[in-house]
């Protein structure tokens, strides 16, 4: 059985709540969403809810080309996007998010660049 060792050079998001502290692997993050004063980090394995600020969490994503902020309350990981159409982003985990026309156009353009489409 392989064991992942978390070190300071690993790509993680530190998540601290009242009851727990954890290191979320960036490679497992599908999306990060803020709603009603809480931030939810959806990973391939679990859903983590924290009251940390979205700004604080997004700071950990600096320089990561696969993450894109559709707007101030939704950040997506292009690695888990399966398709984008009619204002919706569809993820590999069978989740869909509506981002609106203006934000969708920008996100789709960035996604097309990410997947290597230059048309």
N, C-alpha and C. Protein backbone atom coordinates (compact mmCIF):
# COMPACT_ATOMS: atom_id res chain seq x y z
N UNK A 1 0.84 -1.19 0.00
CA UNK A 1 0.00 0.00 0.00
C UNK A 1 0.88 1.24 0.00
N UNK A 2 0.62 2.15 -0.93
CA UNK A 2 1.39 3.39 -1.01
C UNK A 2 0.82 4.41 -0.02
N UNK A 3 1.69 5.17 0.57
CA UNK A 3 1.29 6.19 1.52
C UNK A 3 1.82 7.53 1.03
N UNK A 4 0.95 8.52 0.92
CA UNK A 4 1.38 9.86 0.54
C UNK A 4 1.91 10.57 1.78
N UNK A 5 3.09 11.13 1.66
CA UNK A 5 3.68 11.89 2.75
C UNK A 5 3.53 13.37 2.41
N UNK A 6 2.95 14.11 3.33
CA UNK A 6 2.76 15.54 3.11
C UNK A 6 3.98 16.27 3.63
N UNK A 7 4.59 17.05 2.76
CA UNK A 7 5.74 17.86 3.16
C UNK A 7 5.50 19.30 2.77
N UNK A 8 6.38 20.17 3.20
CA UNK A 8 6.21 21.59 2.91
C UNK A 8 6.27 21.90 1.43
N UNK A 9 6.91 21.03 0.65
CA UNK A 9 7.02 21.29 -0.79
C UNK A 9 5.84 20.70 -1.56
N UNK A 10 4.90 20.08 -0.88
CA UNK A 10 3.73 19.51 -1.54
C UNK A 10 2.71 20.60 -1.83
N UNK A 11 1.89 20.36 -2.83
CA UNK A 11 0.83 21.30 -3.19
C UNK A 11 -0.42 20.97 -2.39
N UNK A 12 -0.65 21.76 -1.36
CA UNK A 12 -1.80 21.54 -0.48
C UNK A 12 -2.52 22.85 -0.18
N UNK A 13 -3.74 22.72 0.29
CA UNK A 13 -4.47 23.83 0.87
C UNK A 13 -4.61 23.50 2.35
N UNK A 14 -4.06 24.32 3.23
CA UNK A 14 -4.27 24.07 4.66
C UNK A 14 -5.69 24.50 5.03
N UNK A 15 -6.44 23.61 5.65
CA UNK A 15 -7.80 23.92 6.06
C UNK A 15 -7.91 23.73 7.56
N UNK A 16 -8.31 24.81 8.23
CA UNK A 16 -8.41 24.79 9.68
C UNK A 16 -9.84 25.15 10.09
N UNK A 17 -10.45 24.28 10.87
CA UNK A 17 -11.77 24.53 11.41
C UNK A 17 -11.66 24.53 12.94
N UNK A 18 -12.76 24.73 13.63
CA UNK A 18 -12.73 24.71 15.09
C UNK A 18 -12.29 23.37 15.64
N UNK A 19 -12.62 22.31 14.92
CA UNK A 19 -12.38 20.96 15.43
C UNK A 19 -11.22 20.23 14.79
N UNK A 20 -10.77 20.71 13.63
CA UNK A 20 -9.75 19.93 12.92
C UNK A 20 -8.86 20.81 12.06
N UNK A 21 -7.70 20.29 11.78
CA UNK A 21 -6.77 20.88 10.82
C UNK A 21 -6.43 19.79 9.81
N UNK A 22 -6.41 20.17 8.54
CA UNK A 22 -6.08 19.17 7.53
C UNK A 22 -5.36 19.82 6.36
N UNK A 23 -4.70 18.98 5.60
CA UNK A 23 -3.98 19.40 4.40
C UNK A 23 -4.67 18.75 3.21
N UNK A 24 -5.32 19.55 2.40
CA UNK A 24 -6.06 19.04 1.25
C UNK A 24 -5.14 19.09 0.03
N UNK A 25 -4.96 17.96 -0.62
CA UNK A 25 -4.11 17.88 -1.81
C UNK A 25 -4.77 18.64 -2.96
N UNK A 26 -4.05 19.58 -3.55
CA UNK A 26 -4.59 20.35 -4.68
C UNK A 26 -5.00 19.45 -5.84
N UNK A 27 -4.27 18.37 -6.05
CA UNK A 27 -4.58 17.48 -7.16
C UNK A 27 -5.93 16.80 -7.01
N UNK A 28 -6.51 16.82 -5.81
CA UNK A 28 -7.80 16.19 -5.56
C UNK A 28 -8.97 17.18 -5.52
N UNK A 29 -8.66 18.48 -5.58
CA UNK A 29 -9.71 19.50 -5.49
C UNK A 29 -10.44 19.63 -6.83
N UNK A 30 -11.76 19.47 -6.79
CA UNK A 30 -12.60 19.62 -7.98
C UNK A 30 -13.06 21.07 -8.11
N UNK A 31 -13.57 21.62 -7.01
CA UNK A 31 -13.99 23.01 -7.00
C UNK A 31 -14.03 23.54 -5.58
N UNK A 32 -14.02 24.87 -5.47
CA UNK A 32 -14.11 25.56 -4.19
C UNK A 32 -15.22 26.58 -4.35
N UNK A 33 -16.16 26.56 -3.39
CA UNK A 33 -17.35 27.39 -3.52
C UNK A 33 -17.67 28.07 -2.20
N UNK A 34 -18.03 29.35 -2.28
CA UNK A 34 -18.45 30.09 -1.09
C UNK A 34 -19.95 30.33 -1.16
N UNK A 35 -20.62 30.03 -0.06
CA UNK A 35 -22.07 30.23 0.01
C UNK A 35 -22.48 30.40 1.46
N UNK A 36 -23.25 31.43 1.72
CA UNK A 36 -23.81 31.67 3.04
C UNK A 36 -22.75 31.67 4.15
N UNK A 37 -21.63 32.31 3.90
CA UNK A 37 -20.60 32.49 4.92
C UNK A 37 -19.66 31.32 5.14
N UNK A 38 -19.81 30.25 4.38
CA UNK A 38 -18.89 29.12 4.51
C UNK A 38 -18.27 28.81 3.15
N UNK A 39 -17.10 28.23 3.20
CA UNK A 39 -16.41 27.79 1.99
C UNK A 39 -16.44 26.28 1.97
N UNK A 40 -16.86 25.73 0.84
CA UNK A 40 -16.90 24.28 0.65
C UNK A 40 -15.84 23.90 -0.37
N UNK A 41 -15.00 22.95 0.01
CA UNK A 41 -13.99 22.42 -0.90
C UNK A 41 -14.44 21.03 -1.29
N UNK A 42 -14.80 20.87 -2.56
CA UNK A 42 -15.21 19.57 -3.08
C UNK A 42 -13.97 18.88 -3.63
N UNK A 43 -13.67 17.71 -3.10
CA UNK A 43 -12.55 16.93 -3.62
C UNK A 43 -13.09 15.65 -4.24
N UNK A 44 -12.22 14.88 -4.82
CA UNK A 44 -12.64 13.61 -5.40
C UNK A 44 -13.08 12.63 -4.32
N UNK A 45 -12.68 12.87 -3.08
CA UNK A 45 -12.98 11.95 -1.99
C UNK A 45 -14.02 12.45 -1.00
N UNK A 46 -14.09 13.78 -0.81
CA UNK A 46 -14.93 14.30 0.26
C UNK A 46 -15.31 15.75 0.02
N UNK A 47 -16.18 16.23 0.88
CA UNK A 47 -16.59 17.64 0.90
C UNK A 47 -16.15 18.20 2.24
N UNK A 48 -15.37 19.29 2.20
CA UNK A 48 -14.85 19.91 3.40
C UNK A 48 -15.45 21.30 3.53
N UNK A 49 -16.02 21.60 4.68
CA UNK A 49 -16.64 22.89 4.92
C UNK A 49 -15.84 23.63 5.98
N UNK A 50 -15.54 24.90 5.69
CA UNK A 50 -14.75 25.71 6.61
C UNK A 50 -15.26 27.15 6.61
N UNK A 51 -14.96 27.86 7.66
CA UNK A 51 -15.30 29.28 7.73
C UNK A 51 -14.08 30.15 7.38
N UNK A 52 -13.00 29.53 6.89
CA UNK A 52 -11.87 30.31 6.41
C UNK A 52 -12.35 31.19 5.27
N UNK A 53 -11.66 32.29 5.06
CA UNK A 53 -12.07 33.18 3.96
C UNK A 53 -11.69 32.56 2.61
N UNK A 54 -12.51 32.85 1.63
CA UNK A 54 -12.24 32.39 0.27
C UNK A 54 -10.90 32.96 -0.20
N UNK A 55 -10.66 34.21 0.14
CA UNK A 55 -9.42 34.88 -0.26
C UNK A 55 -8.19 34.13 0.28
N UNK A 56 -8.27 33.71 1.53
CA UNK A 56 -7.18 32.99 2.17
C UNK A 56 -6.92 31.64 1.48
N UNK A 57 -7.98 30.96 1.13
CA UNK A 57 -7.84 29.66 0.47
C UNK A 57 -7.33 29.82 -0.95
N UNK A 58 -7.88 30.77 -1.69
CA UNK A 58 -7.49 30.99 -3.08
C UNK A 58 -6.02 31.42 -3.18
N UNK A 59 -5.52 32.08 -2.15
CA UNK A 59 -4.11 32.49 -2.13
C UNK A 59 -3.18 31.29 -2.34
N UNK A 60 -3.59 30.13 -1.88
CA UNK A 60 -2.79 28.91 -2.03
C UNK A 60 -2.75 28.41 -3.47
N UNK A 61 -3.60 28.96 -4.33
CA UNK A 61 -3.68 28.51 -5.72
C UNK A 61 -2.87 29.37 -6.68
N UNK A 62 -2.20 30.39 -6.17
CA UNK A 62 -1.39 31.28 -7.01
C UNK A 62 -0.44 30.49 -7.89
N UNK A 63 -0.46 30.80 -9.18
CA UNK A 63 0.45 30.17 -10.12
C UNK A 63 0.03 28.79 -10.60
N UNK A 64 -1.14 28.33 -10.19
CA UNK A 64 -1.63 27.02 -10.62
C UNK A 64 -2.54 27.23 -11.83
N UNK A 65 -2.08 26.82 -13.02
CA UNK A 65 -2.81 27.05 -14.26
C UNK A 65 -4.11 26.28 -14.36
N UNK A 66 -4.23 25.19 -13.63
CA UNK A 66 -5.44 24.37 -13.72
C UNK A 66 -6.60 24.90 -12.89
N UNK A 67 -6.36 25.89 -12.03
CA UNK A 67 -7.43 26.49 -11.24
C UNK A 67 -7.85 27.82 -11.86
N UNK A 68 -9.17 28.06 -11.88
CA UNK A 68 -9.70 29.28 -12.46
C UNK A 68 -10.85 29.79 -11.61
N UNK A 69 -10.80 31.08 -11.27
CA UNK A 69 -11.88 31.71 -10.51
C UNK A 69 -12.94 32.22 -11.48
N UNK A 70 -14.06 31.52 -11.55
CA UNK A 70 -15.17 31.94 -12.43
C UNK A 70 -15.77 33.24 -11.94
N UNK A 71 -15.81 33.40 -10.63
CA UNK A 71 -16.22 34.63 -9.97
C UNK A 71 -15.75 34.54 -8.53
N UNK A 72 -16.07 35.52 -7.72
CA UNK A 72 -15.52 35.59 -6.36
C UNK A 72 -15.97 34.46 -5.44
N UNK A 73 -16.98 33.71 -5.84
CA UNK A 73 -17.45 32.64 -4.97
C UNK A 73 -17.36 31.25 -5.60
N UNK A 74 -16.64 31.11 -6.73
CA UNK A 74 -16.46 29.79 -7.33
C UNK A 74 -15.11 29.69 -8.03
N UNK A 75 -14.33 28.72 -7.62
CA UNK A 75 -13.06 28.41 -8.26
C UNK A 75 -13.14 26.95 -8.72
N UNK A 76 -12.77 26.71 -9.97
CA UNK A 76 -12.85 25.36 -10.53
C UNK A 76 -11.46 24.85 -10.88
N UNK A 77 -11.34 23.53 -10.91
CA UNK A 77 -10.11 22.87 -11.33
C UNK A 77 -10.37 22.31 -12.72
N UNK A 78 -9.72 22.86 -13.73
CA UNK A 78 -9.92 22.43 -15.11
C UNK A 78 -9.64 20.94 -15.31
N UNK A 79 -8.82 20.34 -14.46
CA UNK A 79 -8.52 18.91 -14.59
C UNK A 79 -9.77 18.04 -14.44
N UNK A 80 -10.79 18.55 -13.77
CA UNK A 80 -12.01 17.77 -13.53
C UNK A 80 -13.20 18.25 -14.35
N UNK A 81 -13.01 19.23 -15.21
CA UNK A 81 -14.09 19.70 -16.09
C UNK A 81 -14.19 18.72 -17.25
N UNK A 82 -15.41 18.24 -17.49
CA UNK A 82 -15.63 17.32 -18.60
C UNK A 82 -16.26 18.02 -19.79
N UNK A 83 -17.07 19.04 -19.53
CA UNK A 83 -17.64 19.81 -20.64
C UNK A 83 -18.19 21.12 -20.10
N UNK A 84 -18.41 22.04 -21.03
CA UNK A 84 -18.97 23.35 -20.70
C UNK A 84 -19.96 23.71 -21.80
N UNK A 85 -21.20 24.02 -21.39
CA UNK A 85 -22.19 24.43 -22.39
C UNK A 85 -23.35 25.17 -21.75
N UNK A 86 -23.88 26.14 -22.50
CA UNK A 86 -25.06 26.91 -22.09
C UNK A 86 -24.97 27.49 -20.68
N UNK A 87 -23.81 27.99 -20.31
CA UNK A 87 -23.64 28.61 -19.00
C UNK A 87 -23.32 27.64 -17.88
N UNK A 88 -23.27 26.34 -18.17
CA UNK A 88 -23.00 25.31 -17.17
C UNK A 88 -21.61 24.71 -17.36
N UNK A 89 -21.01 24.37 -16.24
CA UNK A 89 -19.76 23.62 -16.25
C UNK A 89 -20.07 22.25 -15.65
N UNK A 90 -19.73 21.20 -16.37
CA UNK A 90 -19.98 19.84 -15.93
C UNK A 90 -18.66 19.19 -15.51
N UNK A 91 -18.67 18.59 -14.34
CA UNK A 91 -17.46 18.01 -13.77
C UNK A 91 -17.49 16.48 -13.85
N UNK A 92 -16.32 15.87 -13.75
CA UNK A 92 -16.19 14.42 -13.79
C UNK A 92 -16.95 13.74 -12.67
N UNK A 93 -17.17 14.43 -11.56
CA UNK A 93 -17.88 13.86 -10.41
C UNK A 93 -19.39 13.97 -10.57
N UNK A 94 -19.85 14.29 -11.78
CA UNK A 94 -21.27 14.41 -12.12
C UNK A 94 -21.95 15.61 -11.47
N UNK A 95 -21.17 16.57 -11.07
CA UNK A 95 -21.70 17.81 -10.52
C UNK A 95 -21.72 18.83 -11.66
N UNK A 96 -22.67 19.75 -11.60
CA UNK A 96 -22.76 20.83 -12.59
C UNK A 96 -22.92 22.15 -11.85
N UNK A 97 -22.31 23.19 -12.38
CA UNK A 97 -22.41 24.54 -11.80
C UNK A 97 -22.79 25.51 -12.89
N UNK A 98 -23.80 26.34 -12.60
CA UNK A 98 -24.18 27.40 -13.51
C UNK A 98 -23.38 28.65 -13.14
N UNK A 99 -22.73 29.28 -14.14
CA UNK A 99 -21.88 30.44 -13.84
C UNK A 99 -22.35 31.72 -14.53
N UNK A 100 -23.42 31.67 -15.29
CA UNK A 100 -23.91 32.87 -15.97
C UNK A 100 -23.19 33.09 -17.28
N UNK A 101 -23.82 33.84 -18.17
CA UNK A 101 -23.30 34.01 -19.53
C UNK A 101 -21.94 34.69 -19.59
N UNK A 102 -21.80 35.82 -18.91
CA UNK A 102 -20.55 36.58 -18.97
C UNK A 102 -19.38 35.78 -18.38
N UNK A 103 -19.58 35.24 -17.19
CA UNK A 103 -18.53 34.45 -16.55
C UNK A 103 -18.26 33.16 -17.31
N UNK A 104 -19.30 32.58 -17.89
CA UNK A 104 -19.15 31.36 -18.67
C UNK A 104 -18.26 31.59 -19.88
N UNK A 105 -18.47 32.68 -20.59
CA UNK A 105 -17.68 32.96 -21.79
C UNK A 105 -16.19 33.07 -21.45
N UNK A 106 -15.89 33.77 -20.36
CA UNK A 106 -14.49 33.90 -19.93
C UNK A 106 -13.91 32.56 -19.50
N UNK A 107 -14.68 31.81 -18.72
CA UNK A 107 -14.22 30.50 -18.23
C UNK A 107 -14.00 29.54 -19.40
N UNK A 108 -14.92 29.56 -20.35
CA UNK A 108 -14.79 28.67 -21.50
C UNK A 108 -13.56 29.01 -22.34
N UNK A 109 -13.30 30.30 -22.51
CA UNK A 109 -12.11 30.71 -23.25
C UNK A 109 -10.84 30.18 -22.56
N UNK A 110 -10.77 30.35 -21.24
CA UNK A 110 -9.61 29.86 -20.48
C UNK A 110 -9.51 28.34 -20.55
N UNK A 111 -10.65 27.67 -20.47
CA UNK A 111 -10.67 26.21 -20.54
C UNK A 111 -10.17 25.73 -21.91
N UNK A 112 -10.63 26.40 -22.98
CA UNK A 112 -10.17 26.04 -24.32
C UNK A 112 -8.65 26.19 -24.43
N UNK A 113 -8.10 27.24 -23.86
CA UNK A 113 -6.64 27.42 -23.84
C UNK A 113 -5.98 26.30 -23.06
N UNK A 114 -6.58 25.94 -21.92
CA UNK A 114 -6.02 24.91 -21.05
C UNK A 114 -5.96 23.55 -21.75
N UNK A 115 -7.01 23.24 -22.54
CA UNK A 115 -7.02 21.94 -23.22
C UNK A 115 -6.30 21.98 -24.57
N UNK A 116 -5.73 23.14 -24.89
CA UNK A 116 -4.90 23.24 -26.10
C UNK A 116 -5.63 23.59 -27.37
N UNK A 117 -6.85 24.11 -27.26
CA UNK A 117 -7.60 24.53 -28.44
C UNK A 117 -7.26 25.97 -28.74
N UNK A 118 -6.73 26.24 -29.93
CA UNK A 118 -6.31 27.59 -30.29
C UNK A 118 -7.12 28.16 -31.45
N UNK A 119 -8.31 27.65 -31.70
CA UNK A 119 -9.11 28.07 -32.84
C UNK A 119 -9.79 29.38 -32.69
